[in-house]
C-alpha atoms as a PDB file:
ATOM      1  CA  MET A   1      14.834  -8.447   8.690  1.00  0.00           C
ATOM      2  CA  GLN A   2      14.182  -7.509  12.320  1.00  0.00           C
ATOM      3  CA  GLU A   3      10.994  -5.831  11.148  1.00  0.00           C
ATOM      4  CA  ILE A   4       9.652  -9.056   9.619  1.00  0.00           C
ATOM      5  CA  GLY A   5      10.182 -10.899  12.910  1.00  0.00           C
ATOM      6  CA  ILE A   6       8.324  -8.223  14.869  1.00  0.00           C
ATOM      7  CA  LEU A   7       5.426  -8.156  12.425  1.00  0.00           C
ATOM      8  CA  ASN A   8       5.300 -11.954  12.259  1.00  0.00           C
ATOM      9  CA  GLY A   9       5.058 -12.056  16.059  1.00  0.00           C
ATOM     10  CA  MET A  10       1.908  -9.929  15.992  1.00  0.00           C
ATOM     11  CA  LYS A  11      -0.322 -12.723  14.725  1.00  0.00           C
ATOM     12  CA  GLY A  12      -3.420 -12.738  16.904  1.00  0.00           C
ATOM     13  CA  LYS A  13      -2.488  -9.458  18.617  1.00  0.00           C
ATOM     14  CA  ILE A  14      -3.938  -6.969  16.162  1.00  0.00           C
ATOM     15  CA  PRO A  15      -7.674  -6.265  15.937  1.00  0.00           C
ATOM     16  CA  GLY A  16      -9.624  -8.152  13.293  1.00  0.00           C
ATOM     17  CA  ASP A  17     -10.265  -5.110  11.141  1.00  0.00           C
ATOM     18  CA  PHE A  18      -6.518  -4.501  10.658  1.00  0.00           C
ATOM     19  CA  SER A  19      -4.154  -6.440   8.414  1.00  0.00           C
ATOM     20  CA  ILE A  20      -0.416  -6.583   7.942  1.00  0.00           C
ATOM     21  CA  ILE A  21       0.832  -6.398   4.382  1.00  0.00           C
ATOM     22  CA  ALA A  22       4.512  -6.065   3.529  1.00  0.00           C
ATOM     23  CA  VAL A  23       6.058  -4.846   0.297  1.00  0.00           C
ATOM     24  CA  ASN A  24       9.577  -5.918  -0.592  1.00  0.00           C
ATOM     25  CA  VAL A  25      11.456  -3.014  -2.168  1.00  0.00           C
ATOM     26  CA  ASP A  26      15.079  -3.988  -1.609  1.00  0.00           C
ATOM     27  CA  GLY A  27      15.229  -6.723  -4.215  1.00  0.00           C
ATOM     28  CA  MET A  28      14.869 -10.180  -2.746  1.00  0.00           C
ATOM     29  CA  GLY A  29      15.953 -11.283  -6.212  1.00  0.00           C
ATOM     30  CA  SER A  30      12.843 -12.986  -7.488  1.00  0.00           C
ATOM     31  CA  ALA A  31       9.337 -14.019  -6.617  1.00  0.00           C
ATOM     32  CA  GLU A  32      10.646 -17.550  -6.087  1.00  0.00           C
ATOM     33  CA  ALA A  33      13.259 -16.341  -3.569  1.00  0.00           C
ATOM     34  CA  LEU A  34      10.603 -14.352  -1.712  1.00  0.00           C
ATOM     35  CA  LYS A  35       8.249 -17.347  -1.658  1.00  0.00           C
ATOM     36  CA  LYS A  36      11.035 -19.535  -0.242  1.00  0.00           C
ATOM     37  CA  PHE A  37      11.795 -16.916   2.428  1.00  0.00           C
ATOM     38  CA  VAL A  38       8.112 -16.679   3.408  1.00  0.00           C
ATOM     39  CA  GLU A  39       7.885 -20.464   3.733  1.00  0.00           C
ATOM     40  CA  GLU A  40      11.153 -20.809   5.687  1.00  0.00           C
ATOM     41  CA  GLU A  41      10.226 -18.031   8.128  1.00  0.00           C
ATOM     42  CA  ASN A  42       6.593 -19.185   8.409  1.00  0.00           C
ATOM     43  CA  ILE A  43       5.315 -15.691   7.613  1.00  0.00           C
ATOM     44  CA  TRP A  44       1.549 -15.461   7.978  1.00  0.00           C
ATOM     45  CA  PHE A  45       0.905 -12.117   6.269  1.00  0.00           C
ATOM     46  CA  LYS A  46       1.032 -11.187   2.590  1.00  0.00           C
ATOM     47  CA  ILE A  47       4.215  -9.804   1.040  1.00  0.00           C
ATOM     48  CA  GLY A  48       4.237  -8.143  -2.373  1.00  0.00           C
ATOM     49  CA  ILE A  49       7.127  -7.072  -4.563  1.00  0.00           C
ATOM     50  CA  ASP A  50       7.762  -3.493  -5.693  1.00  0.00           C
ATOM     51  CA  SER A  51      10.076  -4.424  -8.542  1.00  0.00           C
ATOM     52  CA  ASP A  52      10.061  -1.017 -10.227  1.00  0.00           C
ATOM     53  CA  GLY A  53      10.065   1.154  -7.083  1.00  0.00           C
ATOM     54  CA  SER A  54       6.719   2.751  -7.893  1.00  0.00           C
ATOM     55  CA  ILE A  55       5.108   1.879  -4.554  1.00  0.00           C
ATOM     56  CA  ALA A  56       8.083   3.208  -2.586  1.00  0.00           C
ATOM     57  CA  LYS A  57       8.012   6.400  -4.630  1.00  0.00           C
ATOM     58  CA  ARG A  58       4.252   6.848  -4.219  1.00  0.00           C
ATOM     59  CA  TYR A  59       4.498   6.540  -0.424  1.00  0.00           C
ATOM     60  CA  GLY A  60       7.752   8.462  -0.006  1.00  0.00           C
ATOM     61  CA  VAL A  61       9.887   5.561   1.188  1.00  0.00           C
ATOM     62  CA  TYR A  62      13.528   6.620   1.312  1.00  0.00           C
ATOM     63  CA  LEU A  63      14.801   4.579   4.251  1.00  0.00           C
ATOM     64  CA  LEU A  64      14.209   0.938   5.110  1.00  0.00           C
ATOM     65  CA  PRO A  65      12.359  -0.288   6.909  1.00  0.00           C
ATOM     66  CA  THR A  66       9.408   2.070   6.605  1.00  0.00           C
ATOM     67  CA  SER A  67       5.981   0.989   7.819  1.00  0.00           C
ATOM     68  CA  PHE A  68       2.577   2.567   7.447  1.00  0.00           C
ATOM     69  CA  LEU A  69      -0.661   2.337   9.334  1.00  0.00           C
ATOM     70  CA  ILE A  70      -3.333   2.639   6.633  1.00  0.00           C
ATOM     71  CA  ASP A  71      -7.025   2.731   7.496  1.00  0.00           C
ATOM     72  CA  ARG A  72      -9.838   0.870   5.758  1.00  0.00           C
ATOM     73  CA  ASN A  73     -10.325   3.871   3.448  1.00  0.00           C
ATOM     74  CA  PHE A  74      -6.694   3.509   2.325  1.00  0.00           C
ATOM     75  CA  MET A  75      -5.654   6.719   4.081  1.00  0.00           C
ATOM     76  CA  VAL A  76      -2.183   6.746   5.637  1.00  0.00           C
ATOM     77  CA  ARG A  77      -2.754   7.348   9.343  1.00  0.00           C
ATOM     78  CA  PHE A  78       0.840   6.999  10.528  1.00  0.00           C
ATOM     79  CA  LYS A  79       4.297   6.426   9.047  1.00  0.00           C
ATOM     80  CA  PHE A  80       7.057   4.633  10.971  1.00  0.00           C
ATOM     81  CA  VAL A  81      10.584   5.229   9.663  1.00  0.00           C
ATOM     82  CA  GLY A  82      13.012   2.634  10.975  1.00  0.00           C
ATOM     83  CA  PRO A  83      12.158  -0.548  12.838  1.00  0.00           C
ATOM     84  CA  VAL A  84       8.727  -0.453  14.417  1.00  0.00           C
ATOM     85  CA  LEU A  85       8.309  -1.933  17.863  1.00  0.00           C
ATOM     86  CA  GLU A  86       5.264  -4.032  18.606  1.00  0.00           C
ATOM     87  CA  GLU A  87       4.124  -1.787  21.454  1.00  0.00           C
ATOM     88  CA  ASP A  88       4.399   1.335  19.255  1.00  0.00           C
ATOM     89  CA  LEU A  89       2.362  -0.240  16.473  1.00  0.00           C
ATOM     90  CA  LEU A  90      -0.327  -1.468  18.879  1.00  0.00           C
ATOM     91  CA  LYS A  91      -0.515   2.003  20.470  1.00  0.00           C
ATOM     92  CA  LYS A  92      -1.012   3.672  17.070  1.00  0.00           C
ATOM     93  CA  ILE A  93      -3.650   1.088  16.100  1.00  0.00           C
ATOM     94  CA  GLU A  94      -5.516   1.923  19.296  1.00  0.00           C
ATOM     95  CA  GLU A  95      -5.293   5.660  18.531  1.00  0.00           C
ATOM     96  CA  VAL A  96      -6.683   5.090  15.024  1.00  0.00           C
ATOM     97  CA  GLU A  97      -9.538   2.968  16.399  1.00  0.00           C
ATOM     98  CA  TRP A  98     -10.500   5.686  18.887  1.00  0.00           C
ATOM     99  CA  SER A  99     -10.381   8.434  16.267  1.00  0.00           C
ATOM    100  CA  ASN A 100     -12.848   6.683  13.941  1.00  0.00           C
END
């Protein structure tokens, strides 16, 4: 849950051509429970549900939280295993911008 707070705090801090999208893989219970959580926590970014584990498997997620920096061509540019700190994410975003 710490990860959600960090990501939620990044509103307005990431460049316009980047987005934050979360995928729930640890079973929030239902879409209704996730929707309630999003509303209660005032989460501004999209959160999907990986109910069958296929997304986690495709991206090699074995520990939570795991975060990815994916470019506009849907290429994984960086994988964070464990909680990501705001300054680390912003630094990697900057590196990706400069490498394009």
